[in-house]
Amino acid sequence: MSLPLADRIALVTGASRGIGYAAARALAKAGAHIVAVARTQGGLEELDDEIRKDGGKATLVPLSLTDFDGIARLGAALHERHGKLDILVGNAGVAGPSSPLGHIDMKPWNDVLAVNLSANFQLIRCLEPLLKKSEAGRAVFITSGVANKATGYLGPYAASKAALEALARVWAHETASTPLRINLFNPGPIRTRMRAAVFPGEDPTTLDTPEQAAELIVPMCLPTWDESGKFFDYPTRSLLSFQPPA
């Protein structure tokens, strides 16, 4: 049986757990070779075991995304080994402090922006040439509903995701005349460790799993996906446009 992502290279950040882990497995099942990036070596090795059981292949990259020089080296290594990149899933993120804005120190603020925003900017800088080498480069960034809701006591996280959405939209506009397609995916409330830490009183059994969300990330990575600069809202299963009102 032909796999829709056979012979394609997919880089997934935050791949050691949660949505990144599930997305990496789902993309591998669809035939992609996974470049799995995360800080946690053990989680990456577990992912590799599962991908191999499914008949897929992965390259493990233990890397903190705050190591911006490391991201540049990764881009160079991908160029040398593969000469292109077909898929980027920018999933890695941190929640940061749950506090009033006035109680948050600069270090945790900067730490959240470094992972949720600046790392994705560096990924764009270093990987855009490789994605343009693909005849159908696809990038999907994982955002959050708090970016628009501006949920209280989650200021650094909300601000970083709102900025990430703007960054992705700018990139989509800049590449509109190319085969590259850039989109955002809002998973909504999903049964992850980070969600449990932010909302400890929530019953996780009432939430969808990362695997369920990942099933709808895969179509956005296919060569046949032709939308760009859009926002897929998983809770409503809606593809939304970012076009401003006339």
C-alpha atoms as a PDB file:
ATOM      1  CA  MET A   1       0.000   0.000   0.000  1.00  0.00           C
ATOM      2  CA  SER A   2       1.330   3.424  -0.959  1.00  0.00           C
ATOM      3  CA  LEU A   3       1.889   5.771   1.984  1.00  0.00           C
ATOM      4  CA  PRO A   4       1.037   9.464   1.445  1.00  0.00           C
ATOM      5  CA  LEU A   5       4.258  10.708   3.049  1.00  0.00           C
ATOM      6  CA  ALA A   6       6.665   8.102   1.697  1.00  0.00           C
ATOM      7  CA  ASP A   7      10.159   9.512   1.029  1.00  0.00           C
ATOM      8  CA  ARG A   8       9.377  12.735   2.898  1.00  0.00           C
ATOM      9  CA  ILE A   9      11.375  14.206   5.782  1.00  0.00           C
ATOM     10  CA  ALA A  10       9.402  15.612   8.728  1.00  0.00           C
ATOM     11  CA  LEU A  11      10.943  17.530  11.624  1.00  0.00           C
ATOM     12  CA  VAL A  12       8.867  17.643  14.806  1.00  0.00           C
ATOM     13  CA  THR A  13       9.842  19.691  17.858  1.00  0.00           C
ATOM     14  CA  GLY A  14       8.787  18.734  21.355  1.00  0.00           C
ATOM     15  CA  ALA A  15       8.595  15.166  20.086  1.00  0.00           C
ATOM     16  CA  SER A  16       9.309  13.368  23.360  1.00  0.00           C
ATOM     17  CA  ARG A  17       5.759  13.606  24.727  1.00  0.00           C
ATOM     18  CA  GLY A  18       2.250  14.958  24.241  1.00  0.00           C
ATOM     19  CA  ILE A  19       1.095  16.279  20.884  1.00  0.00           C
ATOM     20  CA  GLY A  20       4.605  16.283  19.437  1.00  0.00           C
ATOM     21  CA  TYR A  21       5.080  12.607  20.280  1.00  0.00           C
ATOM     22  CA  ALA A  22       1.700  11.711  18.803  1.00  0.00           C
ATOM     23  CA  ALA A  23       2.267  13.817  15.682  1.00  0.00           C
ATOM     24  CA  ALA A  24       5.665  12.221  15.090  1.00  0.00           C
ATOM     25  CA  ARG A  25       4.160   8.739  15.319  1.00  0.00           C
ATOM     26  CA  ALA A  26       1.242   9.646  13.059  1.00  0.00           C
ATOM     27  CA  LEU A  27       3.519  11.184  10.430  1.00  0.00           C
ATOM     28  CA  ALA A  28       5.789   8.141  10.585  1.00  0.00           C
ATOM     29  CA  LYS A  29       2.813   5.832  10.073  1.00  0.00           C
ATOM     30  CA  ALA A  30       1.996   7.884   6.967  1.00  0.00           C
ATOM     31  CA  GLY A  31       5.479   7.116   5.648  1.00  0.00           C
ATOM     32  CA  ALA A  32       7.609  10.107   6.686  1.00  0.00           C
ATOM     33  CA  HIS A  33      11.124   9.800   8.065  1.00  0.00           C
ATOM     34  CA  ILE A  34      10.941  11.656  11.370  1.00  0.00           C
ATOM     35  CA  VAL A  35      13.574  14.055  12.670  1.00  0.00           C
ATOM     36  CA  ALA A  36      12.495  14.112  16.312  1.00  0.00           C
ATOM     37  CA  VAL A  37      13.717  17.076  18.364  1.00  0.00           C
ATOM     38  CA  ALA A  38      13.340  17.335  22.154  1.00  0.00           C
ATOM     39  CA  ARG A  39      15.343  17.923  25.313  1.00  0.00           C
ATOM     40  CA  THR A  40      14.510  14.536  26.839  1.00  0.00           C
ATOM     41  CA  GLN A  41      16.675  11.702  25.555  1.00  0.00           C
ATOM     42  CA  GLY A  42      14.542   9.011  27.228  1.00  0.00           C
ATOM     43  CA  GLY A  43      11.349  10.265  25.631  1.00  0.00           C
ATOM     44  CA  LEU A  44      13.003  10.356  22.221  1.00  0.00           C
ATOM     45  CA  GLU A  45      14.229   6.784  22.614  1.00  0.00           C
ATOM     46  CA  GLU A  46      10.744   5.637  23.574  1.00  0.00           C
ATOM     47  CA  LEU A  47       9.372   7.396  20.489  1.00  0.00           C
ATOM     48  CA  ASP A  48      12.002   5.722  18.319  1.00  0.00           C
ATOM     49  CA  ASP A  49      11.006   2.310  19.672  1.00  0.00           C
ATOM     50  CA  GLU A  50       7.345   2.935  18.852  1.00  0.00           C
ATOM     51  CA  ILE A  51       8.099   4.259  15.370  1.00  0.00           C
ATOM     52  CA  ARG A  52      10.254   1.220  14.630  1.00  0.00           C
ATOM     53  CA  LYS A  53       7.482  -1.098  15.850  1.00  0.00           C
ATOM     54  CA  ASP A  54       5.186   0.615  13.349  1.00  0.00           C
ATOM     55  CA  GLY A  55       7.714   0.017  10.576  1.00  0.00           C
ATOM     56  CA  GLY A  56       8.965   3.597  10.383  1.00  0.00           C
ATOM     57  CA  LYS A  57      12.296   5.368  10.820  1.00  0.00           C
ATOM     58  CA  ALA A  58      13.449   8.299  12.908  1.00  0.00           C
ATOM     59  CA  THR A  59      16.507  10.411  13.551  1.00  0.00           C
ATOM     60  CA  LEU A  60      16.738  11.516  17.183  1.00  0.00           C
ATOM     61  CA  VAL A  61      18.003  15.016  17.990  1.00  0.00           C
ATOM     62  CA  PRO A  62      18.402  15.732  21.730  1.00  0.00           C
ATOM     63  CA  LEU A  63      18.394  19.537  21.672  1.00  0.00           C
ATOM     64  CA  SER A  64      17.060  22.377  23.770  1.00  0.00           C
ATOM     65  CA  LEU A  65      15.328  24.832  21.479  1.00  0.00           C
ATOM     66  CA  THR A  66      16.822  27.670  23.484  1.00  0.00           C
ATOM     67  CA  ASP A  67      20.143  26.597  21.935  1.00  0.00           C
ATOM     68  CA  PHE A  68      19.720  28.780  18.870  1.00  0.00           C
ATOM     69  CA  ASP A  69      23.186  27.911  17.560  1.00  0.00           C
ATOM     70  CA  GLY A  70      22.184  24.261  17.910  1.00  0.00           C
ATOM     71  CA  ILE A  71      19.154  24.893  15.678  1.00  0.00           C
ATOM     72  CA  ALA A  72      21.485  26.410  13.077  1.00  0.00           C
ATOM     73  CA  ARG A  73      23.738  23.352  13.276  1.00  0.00           C
ATOM     74  CA  LEU A  74      20.699  21.116  12.856  1.00  0.00           C
ATOM     75  CA  GLY A  75      19.732  22.976   9.687  1.00  0.00           C
ATOM     76  CA  ALA A  76      23.233  22.511   8.319  1.00  0.00           C
ATOM     77  CA  ALA A  77      23.197  18.803   9.195  1.00  0.00           C
ATOM     78  CA  LEU A  78      19.844  18.305   7.464  1.00  0.00           C
ATOM     79  CA  HIS A  79      21.179  20.067   4.379  1.00  0.00           C
ATOM     80  CA  GLU A  80      24.223  17.813   4.307  1.00  0.00           C
ATOM     81  CA  ARG A  81      22.294  14.597   4.904  1.00  0.00           C
ATOM     82  CA  HIS A  82      19.013  15.123   3.038  1.00  0.00           C
ATOM     83  CA  GLY A  83      19.363  18.330   1.027  1.00  0.00           C
ATOM     84  CA  LYS A  84      15.783  19.294   1.835  1.00  0.00           C
ATOM     85  CA  LEU A  85      13.028  19.251   4.431  1.00  0.00           C
ATOM     86  CA  ASP A  86       9.417  18.503   3.525  1.00  0.00           C
ATOM     87  CA  ILE A  87       7.567  19.079   6.809  1.00  0.00           C
ATOM     88  CA  LEU A  88       8.099  21.190   9.918  1.00  0.00           C
ATOM     89  CA  VAL A  89       5.823  20.764  12.923  1.00  0.00           C
ATOM     90  CA  GLY A  90       6.644  23.482  15.447  1.00  0.00           C
ATOM     91  CA  ASN A  91       5.091  21.954  18.531  1.00  0.00           C
ATOM     92  CA  ALA A  92       7.504  22.516  21.439  1.00  0.00           C
ATOM     93  CA  GLY A  93       6.175  24.891  24.056  1.00  0.00           C
ATOM     94  CA  VAL A  94       6.201  25.735  27.739  1.00  0.00           C
ATOM     95  CA  ALA A  95       3.335  27.088  29.816  1.00  0.00           C
ATOM     96  CA  GLY A  96       5.341  29.348  32.090  1.00  0.00           C
ATOM     97  CA  PRO A  97       4.076  30.801  35.365  1.00  0.00           C
ATOM     98  CA  SER A  98       0.379  31.009  36.234  1.00  0.00           C
ATOM     99  CA  SER A  99       0.449  34.383  37.962  1.00  0.00           C
ATOM    100  CA  PRO A 100      -0.752  37.976  37.600  1.00  0.00           C
ATOM    101  CA  LEU A 101       1.458  39.910  35.187  1.00  0.00           C
ATOM    102  CA  GLY A 102       2.806  42.142  37.917  1.00  0.00           C
ATOM    103  CA  HIS A 103       4.086  39.148  39.865  1.00  0.00           C
ATOM    104  CA  ILE A 104       6.117  37.637  37.015  1.00  0.00           C
ATOM    105  CA  ASP A 105       9.871  38.225  36.933  1.00  0.00           C
ATOM    106  CA  MET A 106      11.740  38.879  33.699  1.00  0.00           C
ATOM    107  CA  LYS A 107      13.523  35.512  33.644  1.00  0.00           C
ATOM    108  CA  PRO A 108      10.387  33.304  33.436  1.00  0.00           C
ATOM    109  CA  TRP A 109       8.915  35.774  30.944  1.00  0.00           C
ATOM    110  CA  ASN A 110      12.002  35.509  28.736  1.00  0.00           C
ATOM    111  CA  ASP A 111      12.136  31.731  29.174  1.00  0.00           C
ATOM    112  CA  VAL A 112       8.601  31.336  27.789  1.00  0.00           C
ATOM    113  CA  LEU A 113       9.238  33.619  24.827  1.00  0.00           C
ATOM    114  CA  ALA A 114      12.527  31.880  24.055  1.00  0.00           C
ATOM    115  CA  VAL A 115      10.851  28.489  23.574  1.00  0.00           C
ATOM    116  CA  ASN A 116       7.418  29.462  22.263  1.00  0.00           C
ATOM    117  CA  LEU A 117       8.444  32.299  19.952  1.00  0.00           C
ATOM    118  CA  SER A 118      12.163  32.866  19.394  1.00  0.00           C
ATOM    119  CA  ALA A 119      12.916  29.185  18.799  1.00  0.00           C
ATOM    120  CA  ASN A 120      10.279  29.071  16.070  1.00  0.00           C
ATOM    121  CA  PHE A 121      11.745  32.220  14.530  1.00  0.00           C
ATOM    122  CA  GLN A 122      15.154  30.546  14.465  1.00  0.00           C
ATOM    123  CA  LEU A 123      13.621  27.403  12.952  1.00  0.00           C
ATOM    124  CA  ILE A 124      12.128  29.545  10.183  1.00  0.00           C
ATOM    125  CA  ARG A 125      15.456  31.274   9.541  1.00  0.00           C
ATOM    126  CA  CYS A 126      17.433  28.046   9.427  1.00  0.00           C
ATOM    127  CA  LEU A 127      14.945  25.702   7.765  1.00  0.00           C
ATOM    128  CA  GLU A 128      13.189  27.858   5.171  1.00  0.00           C
ATOM    129  CA  PRO A 129      15.861  27.173   2.516  1.00  0.00           C
ATOM    130  CA  LEU A 130      15.447  23.427   3.079  1.00  0.00           C
ATOM    131  CA  LEU A 131      11.634  23.611   2.964  1.00  0.00           C
ATOM    132  CA  LYS A 132      11.886  25.521  -0.311  1.00  0.00           C
ATOM    133  CA  LYS A 133      13.972  22.667  -1.724  1.00  0.00           C
ATOM    134  CA  SER A 134      10.883  20.473  -1.333  1.00  0.00           C
ATOM    135  CA  GLU A 135       8.315  20.573  -4.104  1.00  0.00           C
ATOM    136  CA  ALA A 136       5.626  20.733  -1.409  1.00  0.00           C
ATOM    137  CA  GLY A 137       7.082  22.098   1.825  1.00  0.00           C
ATOM    138  CA  ARG A 138       4.622  22.217   4.697  1.00  0.00           C
ATOM    139  CA  ALA A 139       4.898  23.921   8.112  1.00  0.00           C
ATOM    140  CA  VAL A 140       2.403  23.634  10.954  1.00  0.00           C
ATOM    141  CA  PHE A 141       2.784  25.551  14.219  1.00  0.00           C
ATOM    142  CA  ILE A 142       0.873  24.519  17.326  1.00  0.00           C
ATOM    143  CA  THR A 143      -0.872  27.488  18.908  1.00  0.00           C
ATOM    144  CA  SER A 144      -3.496  27.892  21.637  1.00  0.00           C
ATOM    145  CA  GLY A 145      -6.899  29.446  22.125  1.00  0.00           C
ATOM    146  CA  VAL A 146      -5.467  31.615  24.916  1.00  0.00           C
ATOM    147  CA  ALA A 147      -3.724  33.696  22.250  1.00  0.00           C
ATOM    148  CA  ASN A 148      -7.080  35.266  21.374  1.00  0.00           C
ATOM    149  CA  LYS A 149      -8.906  34.773  24.670  1.00  0.00           C
ATOM    150  CA  ALA A 150      -6.100  36.512  26.601  1.00  0.00           C
ATOM    151  CA  THR A 151      -6.828  34.226  29.552  1.00  0.00           C
ATOM    152  CA  GLY A 152      -5.972  35.785  32.899  1.00  0.00           C
ATOM    153  CA  TYR A 153      -2.933  34.548  34.817  1.00  0.00           C
ATOM    154  CA  LEU A 154      -1.424  32.966  31.687  1.00  0.00           C
ATOM    155  CA  GLY A 155       0.121  36.162  30.339  1.00  0.00           C
ATOM    156  CA  PRO A 156       3.516  34.937  29.075  1.00  0.00           C
ATOM    157  CA  TYR A 157       1.967  31.900  27.400  1.00  0.00           C
ATOM    158  CA  ALA A 158      -0.873  33.899  25.807  1.00  0.00           C
ATOM    159  CA  ALA A 159       1.455  36.633  24.579  1.00  0.00           C
ATOM    160  CA  SER A 160       3.952  34.158  23.138  1.00  0.00           C
ATOM    161  CA  LYS A 161       1.265  32.230  21.250  1.00  0.00           C
ATOM    162  CA  ALA A 162      -0.300  35.433  19.894  1.00  0.00           C
ATOM    163  CA  ALA A 163       3.126  36.478  18.637  1.00  0.00           C
ATOM    164  CA  LEU A 164       3.696  33.016  17.155  1.00  0.00           C
ATOM    165  CA  GLU A 165       0.438  33.330  15.216  1.00  0.00           C
ATOM    166  CA  ALA A 166       1.559  36.692  13.823  1.00  0.00           C
ATOM    167  CA  LEU A 167       4.942  35.218  12.914  1.00  0.00           C
ATOM    168  CA  ALA A 168       3.354  32.334  11.020  1.00  0.00           C
ATOM    169  CA  ARG A 169       0.979  34.667   9.185  1.00  0.00           C
ATOM    170  CA  VAL A 170       3.855  36.933   8.117  1.00  0.00           C
ATOM    171  CA  TRP A 171       5.791  33.923   6.832  1.00  0.00           C
ATOM    172  CA  ALA A 172       2.726  32.666   4.949  1.00  0.00           C
ATOM    173  CA  HIS A 173       2.374  36.067   3.241  1.00  0.00           C
ATOM    174  CA  GLU A 174       6.061  36.159   2.366  1.00  0.00           C
ATOM    175  CA  THR A 175       5.956  32.697   0.758  1.00  0.00           C
ATOM    176  CA  ALA A 176       2.564  32.981  -0.923  1.00  0.00           C
ATOM    177  CA  SER A 177       4.083  32.723  -4.410  1.00  0.00           C
ATOM    178  CA  THR A 178       6.029  29.546  -3.556  1.00  0.00           C
ATOM    179  CA  PRO A 179       4.901  25.925  -3.069  1.00  0.00           C
ATOM    180  CA  LEU A 180       5.499  26.311   0.693  1.00  0.00           C
ATOM    181  CA  ARG A 181       2.365  26.228   2.862  1.00  0.00           C
ATOM    182  CA  ILE A 182       2.379  27.546   6.446  1.00  0.00           C
ATOM    183  CA  ASN A 183      -0.523  27.061   8.851  1.00  0.00           C
ATOM    184  CA  LEU A 184      -1.494  27.037  12.524  1.00  0.00           C
ATOM    185  CA  PHE A 185      -3.178  24.294  14.514  1.00  0.00           C
ATOM    186  CA  ASN A 186      -5.090  24.960  17.730  1.00  0.00           C
ATOM    187  CA  PRO A 187      -5.566  21.670  19.605  1.00  0.00           C
ATOM    188  CA  GLY A 188      -7.733  23.148  22.354  1.00  0.00           C
ATOM    189  CA  PRO A 189      -7.925  21.253  25.669  1.00  0.00           C
ATOM    190  CA  ILE A 190      -5.941  18.028  25.192  1.00  0.00           C
ATOM    191  CA  ARG A 191      -4.880  15.385  27.699  1.00  0.00           C
ATOM    192  CA  THR A 192      -1.241  16.385  28.126  1.00  0.00           C
ATOM    193  CA  ARG A 193       1.128  16.778  31.046  1.00  0.00           C
ATOM    194  CA  MET A 194       1.358  20.521  30.464  1.00  0.00           C
ATOM    195  CA  ARG A 195      -2.438  20.886  30.500  1.00  0.00           C
ATOM    196  CA  ALA A 196      -2.602  18.967  33.781  1.00  0.00           C
ATOM    197  CA  ALA A 197       0.005  21.235  35.347  1.00  0.00           C
ATOM    198  CA  VAL A 198      -1.891  24.396  34.370  1.00  0.00           C
ATOM    199  CA  PHE A 199      -5.354  23.032  35.246  1.00  0.00           C
ATOM    200  CA  PRO A 200      -4.724  20.506  38.053  1.00  0.00           C
ATOM    201  CA  GLY A 201      -8.403  20.200  39.011  1.00  0.00           C
ATOM    202  CA  GLU A 202      -9.527  19.187  35.534  1.00  0.00           C
ATOM    203  CA  ASP A 203     -10.614  15.602  34.862  1.00  0.00           C
ATOM    204  CA  PRO A 204      -8.252  14.428  32.077  1.00  0.00           C
ATOM    205  CA  THR A 205     -10.659  11.678  31.006  1.00  0.00           C
ATOM    206  CA  THR A 206     -12.991  14.392  29.678  1.00  0.00           C
ATOM    207  CA  LEU A 207     -10.350  15.553  27.194  1.00  0.00           C
ATOM    208  CA  ASP A 208      -9.334  14.234  23.789  1.00  0.00           C
ATOM    209  CA  THR A 209      -5.950  12.541  23.566  1.00  0.00           C
ATOM    210  CA  PRO A 210      -2.889  13.816  21.710  1.00  0.00           C
ATOM    211  CA  GLU A 211      -3.333  10.930  19.271  1.00  0.00           C
ATOM    212  CA  GLN A 212      -6.795  12.177  18.318  1.00  0.00           C
ATOM    213  CA  ALA A 213      -5.476  15.674  17.633  1.00  0.00           C
ATOM    214  CA  ALA A 214      -2.495  14.337  15.682  1.00  0.00           C
ATOM    215  CA  GLU A 215      -4.805  12.593  13.240  1.00  0.00           C
ATOM    216  CA  LEU A 216      -5.852  16.033  11.976  1.00  0.00           C
ATOM    217  CA  ILE A 217      -2.327  17.455  11.882  1.00  0.00           C
ATOM    218  CA  VAL A 218      -1.245  14.858   9.319  1.00  0.00           C
ATOM    219  CA  PRO A 219      -3.549  16.109   6.501  1.00  0.00           C
ATOM    220  CA  MET A 220      -2.028  19.605   6.863  1.00  0.00           C
ATOM    221  CA  CYS A 221       1.386  18.091   6.099  1.00  0.00           C
ATOM    222  CA  LEU A 222       0.409  16.300   2.907  1.00  0.00           C
ATOM    223  CA  PRO A 223       1.570  17.515  -0.528  1.00  0.00           C
ATOM    224  CA  THR A 224      -2.105  17.741  -1.478  1.00  0.00           C
ATOM    225  CA  TRP A 225      -2.810  20.340   1.265  1.00  0.00           C
ATOM    226  CA  ASP A 226      -2.999  23.660  -0.582  1.00  0.00           C
ATOM    227  CA  GLU A 227      -4.133  26.148   2.074  1.00  0.00           C
ATOM    228  CA  SER A 228      -1.672  28.611   3.606  1.00  0.00           C
ATOM    229  CA  GLY A 229      -1.944  31.240   6.300  1.00  0.00           C
ATOM    230  CA  LYS A 230      -4.914  29.450   7.856  1.00  0.00           C
ATOM    231  CA  PHE A 231      -5.824  28.391  11.390  1.00  0.00           C
ATOM    232  CA  PHE A 232      -7.236  24.919  12.001  1.00  0.00           C
ATOM    233  CA  ASP A 233      -9.300  24.870  15.169  1.00  0.00           C
ATOM    234  CA  TYR A 234      -9.426  21.278  16.407  1.00  0.00           C
ATOM    235  CA  PRO A 235     -12.279  21.756  18.952  1.00  0.00           C
ATOM    236  CA  THR A 236     -14.648  22.948  16.194  1.00  0.00           C
ATOM    237  CA  ARG A 237     -12.930  21.103  13.324  1.00  0.00           C
ATOM    238  CA  SER A 238     -12.911  24.425  11.466  1.00  0.00           C
ATOM    239  CA  LEU A 239     -10.360  25.864   9.040  1.00  0.00           C
ATOM    240  CA  LEU A 240     -10.347  29.597   9.661  1.00  0.00           C
ATOM    241  CA  SER A 241      -8.935  32.403   7.543  1.00  0.00           C
ATOM    242  CA  PHE A 242      -6.805  35.200   8.935  1.00  0.00           C
ATOM    243  CA  GLN A 243      -7.983  37.679   6.331  1.00  0.00           C
ATOM    244  CA  PRO A 244      -8.978  40.967   8.025  1.00  0.00           C
ATOM    245  CA  PRO A 245     -12.500  42.264   7.497  1.00  0.00           C
ATOM    246  CA  ALA A 246     -12.963  44.579   4.528  1.00  0.00           C
END
